[in-house]
Amino acid sequence: MKDSMPAVPFISRKTALLAALGVGLFALGKTIYDEMIRYDLKGKVVLITGGSRGLGLAMARLLAAKGAKLVICARNAEQLENARMELLEQGAEVLSIEADVSNQNEVNRMVQMTINRFGQLDVLINNAGIMMVGAEDVMDVEEYKKVMDTNLWSALYTIKAAMPQFLSQRGGRIVNICSIGGKIAVPHMLPYSVSKFALVGLSEGLGAELKKDNVQVTTVIPNLMRTGSPRNVWVKGDHEGEFEWFKLADSLPMLAQDTEVVAKAVIGALEYGNNEVILTQTAKVMVALKGLMPGGMNSILQVVNRFLPKSGNDHKARRGREGETKLSHGWLTSLPNEASYKFDEA
């Protein structure tokens, strides 16, 4: 008696070709539709907080190439002027404003100066932010307040200041640069994660509520970026040890992204009106894993935390560049070292 074989469905060549054609037509149709609805940035007034260096500067360069009128703000007057001169040489129309975006009065002044100069404000990119690295037991309440002021409240201040103009011109776009740290609580970066979790919530909630007013909100979730920013992070506790692990993480391809790639993705999300964009496969996997097994992700992070530096006795916050070691300044960290000059973080 012969063994009976299960019937295998047969797909004809014609069916396969029709299926492939259908997929191709769908992709073509989507491409055409995307181009039809693409937001034209030429002549638009774009305000970028933290626009003098790092990702802010990288985005400003791309926006200048697209013909946008730029408003950049920062606290460092010298870096702000350097960025302004570079963008002017690129042919952009630029207004630079020295401002502390954690101060609501200065934010209101900045937005009013923008409207006075250009008569409009079309896009707000909330990019300003700071990082605080160290174990939780060396973080005082003041550290949480400082990080929240810059990473969360500043974004709310700018949005509140910009909304009357958006409503009067019946539309606008807001891009909030959040972080994978706003989806996954990263050990030894707790004040930062708390602020970014809050910013993600604010961004998503605003996206739901403001669409009726023709205001598109985009939530951006990047990984670490090779801007050279480790030099400027705030560090507490075991200063050298904390700075070493953070800078090494900023050098690893699986954890850190090329800043120009991030800038291009952010501007693309702005143009196509994406609600949310998670910029790396690593981040997508981590977010998906947390959704499927929240306890499992927490267990993984508990193990990771065991390999991070002990608290140390230094409760003074210092800049990362003050803790350079032979390892943190060696060949392993050559990429962020080079990036620090490219994006004016040196």
C-alpha atoms as a PDB file:
ATOM      1  CA  MET A   1       0.000   0.000   0.000  1.00  0.00           C
ATOM      2  CA  LYS A   2       1.471   3.292  -1.064  1.00  0.00           C
ATOM      3  CA  ASP A   3       1.764   6.151   1.402  1.00  0.00           C
ATOM      4  CA  SER A   4      -0.733   8.813   0.612  1.00  0.00           C
ATOM      5  CA  MET A   5       0.834  12.227  -0.060  1.00  0.00           C
ATOM      6  CA  PRO A   6      -0.979  15.421   0.971  1.00  0.00           C
ATOM      7  CA  ALA A   7      -2.121  17.512  -1.922  1.00  0.00           C
ATOM      8  CA  VAL A   8       0.091  20.559  -2.493  1.00  0.00           C
ATOM      9  CA  PRO A   9      -1.722  23.614  -3.816  1.00  0.00           C
ATOM     10  CA  PHE A  10      -0.430  24.500  -7.248  1.00  0.00           C
ATOM     11  CA  ILE A  11       0.034  28.141  -8.158  1.00  0.00           C
ATOM     12  CA  SER A  12       0.160  28.673 -11.871  1.00  0.00           C
ATOM     13  CA  ARG A  13       2.681  30.957 -13.491  1.00  0.00           C
ATOM     14  CA  LYS A  14      -0.173  33.191 -14.603  1.00  0.00           C
ATOM     15  CA  THR A  15      -1.459  33.545 -11.027  1.00  0.00           C
ATOM     16  CA  ALA A  16       2.012  34.328  -9.747  1.00  0.00           C
ATOM     17  CA  LEU A  17       2.516  36.960 -12.432  1.00  0.00           C
ATOM     18  CA  LEU A  18      -0.853  38.552 -11.673  1.00  0.00           C
ATOM     19  CA  ALA A  19      -0.026  38.631  -7.958  1.00  0.00           C
ATOM     20  CA  ALA A  20       3.357  40.236  -8.649  1.00  0.00           C
ATOM     21  CA  LEU A  21       1.700  42.748 -10.971  1.00  0.00           C
ATOM     22  CA  GLY A  22      -0.854  43.583  -8.288  1.00  0.00           C
ATOM     23  CA  VAL A  23       1.880  44.184  -5.712  1.00  0.00           C
ATOM     24  CA  GLY A  24       3.800  46.329  -8.175  1.00  0.00           C
ATOM     25  CA  LEU A  25       0.747  48.411  -9.049  1.00  0.00           C
ATOM     26  CA  PHE A  26      -0.050  48.902  -5.362  1.00  0.00           C
ATOM     27  CA  ALA A  27       3.506  50.067  -4.676  1.00  0.00           C
ATOM     28  CA  LEU A  28       3.395  52.402  -7.685  1.00  0.00           C
ATOM     29  CA  GLY A  29       0.040  53.787  -6.610  1.00  0.00           C
ATOM     30  CA  LYS A  30       1.300  54.402  -3.084  1.00  0.00           C
ATOM     31  CA  THR A  31       4.398  56.178  -4.415  1.00  0.00           C
ATOM     32  CA  ILE A  32       2.259  58.420  -6.633  1.00  0.00           C
ATOM     33  CA  TYR A  33      -0.139  59.157  -3.764  1.00  0.00           C
ATOM     34  CA  ASP A  34       2.725  59.951  -1.377  1.00  0.00           C
ATOM     35  CA  GLU A  35       4.194  62.402  -3.874  1.00  0.00           C
ATOM     36  CA  MET A  36       0.788  64.023  -4.363  1.00  0.00           C
ATOM     37  CA  ILE A  37       0.376  64.682  -0.643  1.00  0.00           C
ATOM     38  CA  ARG A  38       4.037  65.500   0.017  1.00  0.00           C
ATOM     39  CA  TYR A  39       4.460  68.704   2.017  1.00  0.00           C
ATOM     40  CA  ASP A  40       6.472  71.213   0.000  1.00  0.00           C
ATOM     41  CA  LEU A  41       9.033  72.822   2.289  1.00  0.00           C
ATOM     42  CA  LYS A  42      10.128  75.504  -0.172  1.00  0.00           C
ATOM     43  CA  GLY A  43       9.399  78.907   1.312  1.00  0.00           C
ATOM     44  CA  LYS A  44       8.067  77.419   4.553  1.00  0.00           C
ATOM     45  CA  VAL A  45       9.226  78.925   7.854  1.00  0.00           C
ATOM     46  CA  VAL A  46      10.738  76.232  10.072  1.00  0.00           C
ATOM     47  CA  LEU A  47      11.725  76.819  13.704  1.00  0.00           C
ATOM     48  CA  ILE A  48      14.274  74.331  15.093  1.00  0.00           C
ATOM     49  CA  THR A  49      15.099  74.390  18.786  1.00  0.00           C
ATOM     50  CA  GLY A  50      18.657  73.324  19.503  1.00  0.00           C
ATOM     51  CA  GLY A  51      19.457  74.118  15.878  1.00  0.00           C
ATOM     52  CA  SER A  52      23.080  75.184  16.259  1.00  0.00           C
ATOM     53  CA  ARG A  53      24.691  71.737  16.522  1.00  0.00           C
ATOM     54  CA  GLY A  54      24.117  67.989  16.369  1.00  0.00           C
ATOM     55  CA  LEU A  55      20.899  66.704  14.835  1.00  0.00           C
ATOM     56  CA  GLY A  56      19.400  70.201  14.819  1.00  0.00           C
ATOM     57  CA  LEU A  57      22.185  71.478  12.593  1.00  0.00           C
ATOM     58  CA  ALA A  58      21.981  68.403  10.341  1.00  0.00           C
ATOM     59  CA  MET A  59      18.247  68.980   9.840  1.00  0.00           C
ATOM     60  CA  ALA A  60      18.796  72.694   9.205  1.00  0.00           C
ATOM     61  CA  ARG A  61      21.275  71.858   6.434  1.00  0.00           C
ATOM     62  CA  LEU A  62      18.729  69.603   4.709  1.00  0.00           C
ATOM     63  CA  LEU A  63      15.910  72.115   5.103  1.00  0.00           C
ATOM     64  CA  ALA A  64      18.111  74.860   3.664  1.00  0.00           C
ATOM     65  CA  ALA A  65      18.715  72.684   0.604  1.00  0.00           C
ATOM     66  CA  LYS A  66      14.937  72.345   0.203  1.00  0.00           C
ATOM     67  CA  GLY A  67      14.439  76.112   0.218  1.00  0.00           C
ATOM     68  CA  ALA A  68      12.946  76.508   3.693  1.00  0.00           C
ATOM     69  CA  LYS A  69      13.319  79.706   5.704  1.00  0.00           C
ATOM     70  CA  LEU A  70      15.016  78.829   8.956  1.00  0.00           C
ATOM     71  CA  VAL A  71      14.811  79.973  12.540  1.00  0.00           C
ATOM     72  CA  ILE A  72      17.379  78.337  14.815  1.00  0.00           C
ATOM     73  CA  CYS A  73      17.767  78.868  18.523  1.00  0.00           C
ATOM     74  CA  ALA A  74      20.337  77.838  21.114  1.00  0.00           C
ATOM     75  CA  ARG A  75      21.885  79.092  24.345  1.00  0.00           C
ATOM     76  CA  ASN A  76      25.472  79.241  23.052  1.00  0.00           C
ATOM     77  CA  ALA A  77      25.902  82.459  21.058  1.00  0.00           C
ATOM     78  CA  GLU A  78      29.152  81.388  19.377  1.00  0.00           C
ATOM     79  CA  GLN A  79      27.798  78.062  18.123  1.00  0.00           C
ATOM     80  CA  LEU A  80      24.608  79.798  17.027  1.00  0.00           C
ATOM     81  CA  GLU A  81      26.551  82.316  14.954  1.00  0.00           C
ATOM     82  CA  ASN A  82      28.698  79.564  13.407  1.00  0.00           C
ATOM     83  CA  ALA A  83      25.557  77.698  12.343  1.00  0.00           C
ATOM     84  CA  ARG A  84      23.922  80.874  11.003  1.00  0.00           C
ATOM     85  CA  MET A  85      26.953  81.739   8.859  1.00  0.00           C
ATOM     86  CA  GLU A  86      27.171  78.200   7.465  1.00  0.00           C
ATOM     87  CA  LEU A  87      23.477  78.182   6.521  1.00  0.00           C
ATOM     88  CA  LEU A  88      23.727  81.657   4.964  1.00  0.00           C
ATOM     89  CA  GLU A  89      26.606  80.409   2.815  1.00  0.00           C
ATOM     90  CA  GLN A  90      24.320  77.577   1.741  1.00  0.00           C
ATOM     91  CA  GLY A  91      21.881  80.200   0.461  1.00  0.00           C
ATOM     92  CA  ALA A  92      19.280  79.939   3.198  1.00  0.00           C
ATOM     93  CA  GLU A  93      17.357  82.785   4.785  1.00  0.00           C
ATOM     94  CA  VAL A  94      18.131  82.408   8.489  1.00  0.00           C
ATOM     95  CA  LEU A  95      17.078  84.025  11.744  1.00  0.00           C
ATOM     96  CA  SER A  96      19.146  82.969  14.750  1.00  0.00           C
ATOM     97  CA  ILE A  97      17.852  83.626  18.267  1.00  0.00           C
ATOM     98  CA  GLU A  98      19.783  83.158  21.478  1.00  0.00           C
ATOM     99  CA  ALA A  99      17.257  81.699  23.883  1.00  0.00           C
ATOM    100  CA  ASP A 100      16.821  79.274  26.759  1.00  0.00           C
ATOM    101  CA  VAL A 101      13.806  77.164  25.762  1.00  0.00           C
ATOM    102  CA  SER A 102      13.312  75.987  29.362  1.00  0.00           C
ATOM    103  CA  ASN A 103      12.158  79.564  30.074  1.00  0.00           C
ATOM    104  CA  GLN A 104       8.588  80.148  28.863  1.00  0.00           C
ATOM    105  CA  ASN A 105       9.013  83.910  28.514  1.00  0.00           C
ATOM    106  CA  GLU A 106      12.034  83.452  26.264  1.00  0.00           C
ATOM    107  CA  VAL A 107      10.125  80.910  24.169  1.00  0.00           C
ATOM    108  CA  ASN A 108       7.217  83.324  23.713  1.00  0.00           C
ATOM    109  CA  ARG A 109       9.682  86.037  22.679  1.00  0.00           C
ATOM    110  CA  MET A 110      11.367  83.689  20.206  1.00  0.00           C
ATOM    111  CA  VAL A 111       8.110  82.693  18.508  1.00  0.00           C
ATOM    112  CA  GLN A 112       6.985  86.325  18.316  1.00  0.00           C
ATOM    113  CA  MET A 113      10.334  87.326  16.764  1.00  0.00           C
ATOM    114  CA  THR A 114       9.831  84.593  14.164  1.00  0.00           C
ATOM    115  CA  ILE A 115       6.375  85.858  13.233  1.00  0.00           C
ATOM    116  CA  ASN A 116       7.548  89.484  13.203  1.00  0.00           C
ATOM    117  CA  ARG A 117      10.373  88.590  10.811  1.00  0.00           C
ATOM    118  CA  PHE A 118       8.590  86.221   8.424  1.00  0.00           C
ATOM    119  CA  GLY A 119       4.886  86.859   9.012  1.00  0.00           C
ATOM    120  CA  GLN A 120       4.237  83.145   9.465  1.00  0.00           C
ATOM    121  CA  LEU A 121       5.389  79.945  11.148  1.00  0.00           C
ATOM    122  CA  ASP A 122       4.737  76.698   9.333  1.00  0.00           C
ATOM    123  CA  VAL A 123       6.820  74.027  11.072  1.00  0.00           C
ATOM    124  CA  LEU A 124       8.054  73.616  14.641  1.00  0.00           C
ATOM    125  CA  ILE A 125      10.763  71.026  15.333  1.00  0.00           C
ATOM    126  CA  ASN A 126      11.282  70.393  19.040  1.00  0.00           C
ATOM    127  CA  ASN A 127      14.842  69.119  19.070  1.00  0.00           C
ATOM    128  CA  ALA A 128      16.460  70.755  22.120  1.00  0.00           C
ATOM    129  CA  GLY A 129      17.390  68.351  24.865  1.00  0.00           C
ATOM    130  CA  ILE A 130      19.968  67.288  27.425  1.00  0.00           C
ATOM    131  CA  MET A 131      21.153  63.932  28.781  1.00  0.00           C
ATOM    132  CA  MET A 132      22.059  63.013  32.349  1.00  0.00           C
ATOM    133  CA  VAL A 133      24.040  59.777  32.819  1.00  0.00           C
ATOM    134  CA  GLY A 134      24.587  57.992  36.117  1.00  0.00           C
ATOM    135  CA  ALA A 135      23.073  55.595  38.643  1.00  0.00           C
ATOM    136  CA  GLU A 136      19.706  56.500  40.151  1.00  0.00           C
ATOM    137  CA  ASP A 137      21.037  56.858  43.687  1.00  0.00           C
ATOM    138  CA  VAL A 138      23.261  59.800  42.713  1.00  0.00           C
ATOM    139  CA  MET A 139      20.435  61.587  40.908  1.00  0.00           C
ATOM    140  CA  ASP A 140      18.787  64.248  43.049  1.00  0.00           C
ATOM    141  CA  VAL A 141      15.341  65.687  42.438  1.00  0.00           C
ATOM    142  CA  GLU A 142      17.052  68.728  40.921  1.00  0.00           C
ATOM    143  CA  GLU A 143      18.501  66.540  38.143  1.00  0.00           C
ATOM    144  CA  TYR A 144      15.021  65.338  37.235  1.00  0.00           C
ATOM    145  CA  LYS A 145      13.727  68.898  37.207  1.00  0.00           C
ATOM    146  CA  LYS A 146      16.599  70.125  35.056  1.00  0.00           C
ATOM    147  CA  VAL A 147      16.137  67.403  32.453  1.00  0.00           C
ATOM    148  CA  MET A 148      12.344  67.742  32.465  1.00  0.00           C
ATOM    149  CA  ASP A 149      12.622  71.504  31.971  1.00  0.00           C
ATOM    150  CA  THR A 150      14.717  71.094  28.828  1.00  0.00           C
ATOM    151  CA  ASN A 151      13.295  67.893  27.364  1.00  0.00           C
ATOM    152  CA  LEU A 152       9.586  68.206  28.164  1.00  0.00           C
ATOM    153  CA  TRP A 153       8.481  71.636  29.302  1.00  0.00           C
ATOM    154  CA  SER A 154      10.426  73.404  26.556  1.00  0.00           C
ATOM    155  CA  ALA A 155       8.487  71.440  23.936  1.00  0.00           C
ATOM    156  CA  LEU A 156       5.181  72.279  25.578  1.00  0.00           C
ATOM    157  CA  TYR A 157       6.163  75.959  25.784  1.00  0.00           C
ATOM    158  CA  THR A 158       7.021  76.138  22.073  1.00  0.00           C
ATOM    159  CA  ILE A 159       3.858  74.279  21.060  1.00  0.00           C
ATOM    160  CA  LYS A 160       1.662  76.553  23.169  1.00  0.00           C
ATOM    161  CA  ALA A 161       3.410  79.626  21.743  1.00  0.00           C
ATOM    162  CA  ALA A 162       3.071  78.405  18.144  1.00  0.00           C
ATOM    163  CA  MET A 163      -0.540  77.165  18.249  1.00  0.00           C
ATOM    164  CA  PRO A 164      -2.258  80.588  17.917  1.00  0.00           C
ATOM    165  CA  GLN A 165      -0.319  81.158  14.688  1.00  0.00           C
ATOM    166  CA  PHE A 166      -1.092  77.652  13.411  1.00  0.00           C
ATOM    167  CA  LEU A 167      -4.796  78.159  14.133  1.00  0.00           C
ATOM    168  CA  SER A 168      -4.894  81.590  12.511  1.00  0.00           C
ATOM    169  CA  GLN A 169      -3.293  80.259   9.311  1.00  0.00           C
ATOM    170  CA  ARG A 170      -5.374  77.066   9.518  1.00  0.00           C
ATOM    171  CA  GLY A 171      -2.547  74.599   9.666  1.00  0.00           C
ATOM    172  CA  GLY A 172       0.959  73.740  10.754  1.00  0.00           C
ATOM    173  CA  ARG A 173       3.319  70.884  11.494  1.00  0.00           C
ATOM    174  CA  ILE A 174       5.026  69.843  14.706  1.00  0.00           C
ATOM    175  CA  VAL A 175       7.902  67.367  14.930  1.00  0.00           C
ATOM    176  CA  ASN A 176       8.914  66.152  18.371  1.00  0.00           C
ATOM    177  CA  ILE A 177      12.324  64.486  18.592  1.00  0.00           C
ATOM    178  CA  CYS A 178      11.761  61.903  21.304  1.00  0.00           C
ATOM    179  CA  SER A 179      13.931  58.821  21.901  1.00  0.00           C
ATOM    180  CA  ILE A 180      13.994  55.063  22.288  1.00  0.00           C
ATOM    181  CA  GLY A 181      14.529  56.123  25.908  1.00  0.00           C
ATOM    182  CA  GLY A 182      10.895  57.278  25.791  1.00  0.00           C
ATOM    183  CA  LYS A 183       9.762  53.746  24.983  1.00  0.00           C
ATOM    184  CA  ILE A 184      12.303  51.699  26.981  1.00  0.00           C
ATOM    185  CA  ALA A 185      13.591  52.910  30.377  1.00  0.00           C
ATOM    186  CA  VAL A 186      17.379  52.740  29.954  1.00  0.00           C
ATOM    187  CA  PRO A 187      19.416  52.035  33.142  1.00  0.00           C
ATOM    188  CA  HIS A 188      21.649  54.872  34.344  1.00  0.00           C
ATOM    189  CA  MET A 189      19.642  57.385  32.291  1.00  0.00           C
ATOM    190  CA  LEU A 190      16.511  57.571  34.409  1.00  0.00           C
ATOM    191  CA  PRO A 191      15.888  61.362  34.404  1.00  0.00           C
ATOM    192  CA  TYR A 192      16.303  61.307  30.622  1.00  0.00           C
ATOM    193  CA  SER A 193      13.920  58.359  30.172  1.00  0.00           C
ATOM    194  CA  VAL A 194      11.318  59.930  32.459  1.00  0.00           C
ATOM    195  CA  SER A 195      11.391  63.136  30.398  1.00  0.00           C
ATOM    196  CA  LYS A 196      11.223  61.292  27.071  1.00  0.00           C
ATOM    197  CA  PHE A 197       8.380  59.010  28.196  1.00  0.00           C
ATOM    198  CA  ALA A 198       6.483  62.184  29.056  1.00  0.00           C
ATOM    199  CA  LEU A 199       7.356  63.773  25.703  1.00  0.00           C
ATOM    200  CA  VAL A 200       6.148  60.695  23.806  1.00  0.00           C
ATOM    201  CA  GLY A 201       2.854  60.876  25.693  1.00  0.00           C
ATOM    202  CA  LEU A 202       2.506  64.588  24.994  1.00  0.00           C
ATOM    203  CA  SER A 203       3.338  64.122  21.318  1.00  0.00           C
ATOM    204  CA  GLU A 204       0.962  61.213  20.777  1.00  0.00           C
ATOM    205  CA  GLY A 205      -1.858  62.950  22.642  1.00  0.00           C
ATOM    206  CA  LEU A 206      -1.429  66.172  20.698  1.00  0.00           C
ATOM    207  CA  GLY A 207      -1.343  64.202  17.461  1.00  0.00           C
ATOM    208  CA  ALA A 208      -4.783  62.816  18.235  1.00  0.00           C
ATOM    209  CA  GLU A 209      -6.271  66.152  19.270  1.00  0.00           C
ATOM    210  CA  LEU A 210      -4.764  68.620  16.809  1.00  0.00           C
ATOM    211  CA  LYS A 211      -5.488  66.792  13.557  1.00  0.00           C
ATOM    212  CA  LYS A 212      -8.953  68.369  13.479  1.00  0.00           C
ATOM    213  CA  ASP A 213      -7.225  71.766  13.299  1.00  0.00           C
ATOM    214  CA  ASN A 214      -5.042  70.661  10.359  1.00  0.00           C
ATOM    215  CA  VAL A 215      -1.976  70.499  12.623  1.00  0.00           C
ATOM    216  CA  GLN A 216       0.072  67.378  11.944  1.00  0.00           C
ATOM    217  CA  VAL A 217       2.196  66.066  14.830  1.00  0.00           C
ATOM    218  CA  THR A 218       5.040  63.633  14.174  1.00  0.00           C
ATOM    219  CA  THR A 219       6.640  61.636  16.992  1.00  0.00           C
ATOM    220  CA  VAL A 220      10.230  60.631  16.196  1.00  0.00           C
ATOM    221  CA  ILE A 221      11.909  57.721  18.009  1.00  0.00           C
ATOM    222  CA  PRO A 222      15.660  57.614  17.264  1.00  0.00           C
ATOM    223  CA  ASN A 223      18.389  55.565  18.938  1.00  0.00           C
ATOM    224  CA  LEU A 224      21.620  57.152  20.078  1.00  0.00           C
ATOM    225  CA  MET A 225      23.087  59.312  17.328  1.00  0.00           C
ATOM    226  CA  ARG A 226      26.712  59.824  16.356  1.00  0.00           C
ATOM    227  CA  THR A 227      26.716  63.598  16.698  1.00  0.00           C
ATOM    228  CA  GLY A 228      29.675  63.678  19.071  1.00  0.00           C
ATOM    229  CA  SER A 229      27.253  64.597  21.864  1.00  0.00           C
ATOM    230  CA  PRO A 230      28.829  62.368  24.586  1.00  0.00           C
ATOM    231  CA  ARG A 231      31.286  65.225  25.169  1.00  0.00           C
ATOM    232  CA  ASN A 232      28.385  67.425  26.253  1.00  0.00           C
ATOM    233  CA  VAL A 233      26.224  65.057  28.316  1.00  0.00           C
ATOM    234  CA  TRP A 234      26.005  65.544  32.071  1.00  0.00           C
ATOM    235  CA  VAL A 235      27.510  62.733  34.155  1.00  0.00           C
ATOM    236  CA  LYS A 236      27.245  61.922  37.880  1.00  0.00           C
ATOM    237  CA  GLY A 237      28.718  59.216  40.105  1.00  0.00           C
ATOM    238  CA  ASP A 238      31.604  57.204  38.643  1.00  0.00           C
ATOM    239  CA  HIS A 239      32.361  59.870  36.093  1.00  0.00           C
ATOM    240  CA  GLU A 240      34.979  58.068  34.023  1.00  0.00           C
ATOM    241  CA  GLY A 241      33.190  54.708  34.116  1.00  0.00           C
ATOM    242  CA  GLU A 242      29.809  56.184  33.161  1.00  0.00           C
ATOM    243  CA  PHE A 243      31.320  58.228  30.367  1.00  0.00           C
ATOM    244  CA  GLU A 244      33.180  55.194  28.985  1.00  0.00           C
ATOM    245  CA  TRP A 245      30.129  52.956  28.649  1.00  0.00           C
ATOM    246  CA  PHE A 246      27.990  55.752  27.223  1.00  0.00           C
ATOM    247  CA  LYS A 247      30.553  56.793  24.622  1.00  0.00           C
ATOM    248  CA  LEU A 248      31.256  53.181  23.636  1.00  0.00           C
ATOM    249  CA  ALA A 249      27.504  52.612  23.180  1.00  0.00           C
ATOM    250  CA  ASP A 250      27.426  55.704  20.982  1.00  0.00           C
ATOM    251  CA  SER A 251      30.062  54.033  18.790  1.00  0.00           C
ATOM    252  CA  LEU A 252      28.277  50.727  18.154  1.00  0.00           C
ATOM    253  CA  PRO A 253      26.412  50.386  14.827  1.00  0.00           C
ATOM    254  CA  MET A 254      23.593  48.375  16.430  1.00  0.00           C
ATOM    255  CA  LEU A 255      22.932  51.094  19.015  1.00  0.00           C
ATOM    256  CA  ALA A 256      23.951  54.382  17.390  1.00  0.00           C
ATOM    257  CA  GLN A 257      22.830  55.910  14.113  1.00  0.00           C
ATOM    258  CA  ASP A 258      24.534  58.147  11.601  1.00  0.00           C
ATOM    259  CA  THR A 259      23.205  61.650  12.221  1.00  0.00           C
ATOM    260  CA  GLU A 260      22.712  62.539   8.559  1.00  0.00           C
ATOM    261  CA  VAL A 261      20.651  59.374   8.046  1.00  0.00           C
ATOM    262  CA  VAL A 262      18.488  60.353  11.033  1.00  0.00           C
ATOM    263  CA  ALA A 263      18.077  63.916   9.737  1.00  0.00           C
ATOM    264  CA  LYS A 264      16.977  62.654   6.317  1.00  0.00           C
ATOM    265  CA  ALA A 265      14.449  60.278   7.898  1.00  0.00           C
ATOM    266  CA  VAL A 266      13.036  63.025  10.124  1.00  0.00           C
ATOM    267  CA  ILE A 267      12.588  65.457   7.242  1.00  0.00           C
ATOM    268  CA  GLY A 268      10.988  62.674   5.205  1.00  0.00           C
ATOM    269  CA  ALA A 269       8.536  61.970   8.029  1.00  0.00           C
ATOM    270  CA  LEU A 270       7.750  65.695   8.160  1.00  0.00           C
ATOM    271  CA  GLU A 271       7.122  65.841   4.420  1.00  0.00           C
ATOM    272  CA  TYR A 272       4.874  62.769   4.335  1.00  0.00           C
ATOM    273  CA  GLY A 273       2.991  63.587   7.518  1.00  0.00           C
ATOM    274  CA  ASN A 274       3.849  60.437   9.460  1.00  0.00           C
ATOM    275  CA  ASN A 275       2.280  60.167  12.908  1.00  0.00           C
ATOM    276  CA  GLU A 276       5.242  58.249  14.318  1.00  0.00           C
ATOM    277  CA  VAL A 277       8.547  57.035  12.967  1.00  0.00           C
ATOM    278  CA  ILE A 278      10.851  54.580  14.755  1.00  0.00           C
ATOM    279  CA  LEU A 279      14.173  54.984  13.013  1.00  0.00           C
ATOM    280  CA  THR A 280      16.004  51.662  13.446  1.00  0.00           C
ATOM    281  CA  GLN A 281      15.210  47.977  13.275  1.00  0.00           C
ATOM    282  CA  THR A 282      16.865  47.548  16.676  1.00  0.00           C
ATOM    283  CA  ALA A 283      14.445  50.040  18.225  1.00  0.00           C
ATOM    284  CA  LYS A 284      11.459  48.432  16.461  1.00  0.00           C
ATOM    285  CA  VAL A 285      12.428  45.024  17.835  1.00  0.00           C
ATOM    286  CA  MET A 286      12.891  46.406  21.355  1.00  0.00           C
ATOM    287  CA  VAL A 287       9.525  48.182  21.304  1.00  0.00           C
ATOM    288  CA  ALA A 288       7.802  45.073  19.906  1.00  0.00           C
ATOM    289  CA  LEU A 289       9.469  42.842  22.506  1.00  0.00           C
ATOM    290  CA  LYS A 290       8.370  45.124  25.311  1.00  0.00           C
ATOM    291  CA  GLY A 291       4.822  45.047  23.971  1.00  0.00           C
ATOM    292  CA  LEU A 292       4.795  41.259  23.790  1.00  0.00           C
ATOM    293  CA  MET A 293       6.760  40.551  26.975  1.00  0.00           C
ATOM    294  CA  PRO A 294       7.020  43.680  29.146  1.00  0.00           C
ATOM    295  CA  GLY A 295       8.346  41.670  32.074  1.00  0.00           C
ATOM    296  CA  GLY A 296      10.931  40.003  29.854  1.00  0.00           C
ATOM    297  CA  MET A 297      12.324  43.324  28.654  1.00  0.00           C
ATOM    298  CA  ASN A 298      12.567  44.528  32.245  1.00  0.00           C
ATOM    299  CA  SER A 299      14.490  41.370  33.155  1.00  0.00           C
ATOM    300  CA  ILE A 300      16.945  41.988  30.318  1.00  0.00           C
ATOM    301  CA  LEU A 301      17.538  45.544  31.523  1.00  0.00           C
ATOM    302  CA  GLN A 302      18.085  44.315  35.077  1.00  0.00           C
ATOM    303  CA  VAL A 303      20.900  42.100  33.763  1.00  0.00           C
ATOM    304  CA  VAL A 304      22.355  44.975  31.722  1.00  0.00           C
ATOM    305  CA  ASN A 305      22.349  47.175  34.810  1.00  0.00           C
ATOM    306  CA  ARG A 306      24.626  44.704  36.651  1.00  0.00           C
ATOM    307  CA  PHE A 307      27.399  45.429  34.142  1.00  0.00           C
ATOM    308  CA  LEU A 308      27.170  49.212  34.460  1.00  0.00           C
ATOM    309  CA  PRO A 309      29.428  51.188  36.853  1.00  0.00           C
ATOM    310  CA  LYS A 310      28.725  51.360  40.562  1.00  0.00           C
ATOM    311  CA  SER A 311      27.398  54.603  41.969  1.00  0.00           C
ATOM    312  CA  GLY A 312      30.638  56.197  43.111  1.00  0.00           C
ATOM    313  CA  ASN A 313      30.812  59.005  45.636  1.00  0.00           C
ATOM    314  CA  ASP A 314      30.858  61.984  43.285  1.00  0.00           C
ATOM    315  CA  HIS A 315      27.468  63.704  43.407  1.00  0.00           C
ATOM    316  CA  LYS A 316      28.628  66.662  41.329  1.00  0.00           C
ATOM    317  CA  ALA A 317      27.317  66.814  37.760  1.00  0.00           C
ATOM    318  CA  ARG A 318      30.154  67.182  35.246  1.00  0.00           C
ATOM    319  CA  ARG A 319      30.357  67.381  31.483  1.00  0.00           C
ATOM    320  CA  GLY A 320      31.261  64.158  29.723  1.00  0.00           C
ATOM    321  CA  ARG A 321      34.396  65.646  28.176  1.00  0.00           C
ATOM    322  CA  GLU A 322      35.855  66.074  31.661  1.00  0.00           C
ATOM    323  CA  GLY A 323      36.008  62.284  32.051  1.00  0.00           C
ATOM    324  CA  GLU A 324      37.858  61.246  28.898  1.00  0.00           C
ATOM    325  CA  THR A 325      40.005  58.150  29.395  1.00  0.00           C
ATOM    326  CA  LYS A 326      42.384  56.244  27.162  1.00  0.00           C
ATOM    327  CA  LEU A 327      39.564  53.833  26.302  1.00  0.00           C
ATOM    328  CA  SER A 328      36.926  56.491  25.667  1.00  0.00           C
ATOM    329  CA  HIS A 329      39.275  58.434  23.403  1.00  0.00           C
ATOM    330  CA  GLY A 330      40.732  55.423  21.588  1.00  0.00           C
ATOM    331  CA  TRP A 331      40.106  53.882  18.183  1.00  0.00           C
ATOM    332  CA  LEU A 332      36.865  52.250  19.382  1.00  0.00           C
ATOM    333  CA  THR A 333      35.267  55.669  19.673  1.00  0.00           C
ATOM    334  CA  SER A 334      36.674  57.182  16.493  1.00  0.00           C
ATOM    335  CA  LEU A 335      33.216  57.649  14.916  1.00  0.00           C
ATOM    336  CA  PRO A 336      31.758  59.920  17.633  1.00  0.00           C
ATOM    337  CA  ASN A 337      35.099  61.731  17.890  1.00  0.00           C
ATOM    338  CA  GLU A 338      34.934  62.582  14.172  1.00  0.00           C
ATOM    339  CA  ALA A 339      31.240  63.462  14.399  1.00  0.00           C
ATOM    340  CA  SER A 340      31.888  65.986  17.152  1.00  0.00           C
ATOM    341  CA  TYR A 341      33.664  68.235  14.624  1.00  0.00           C
ATOM    342  CA  LYS A 342      31.221  67.593  11.794  1.00  0.00           C
ATOM    343  CA  PHE A 343      28.216  68.638  13.895  1.00  0.00           C
ATOM    344  CA  ASP A 344      29.898  71.323  16.017  1.00  0.00           C
ATOM    345  CA  GLU A 345      29.818  69.338  19.277  1.00  0.00           C
ATOM    346  CA  ALA A 346      33.581  69.610  19.897  1.00  0.00           C
END
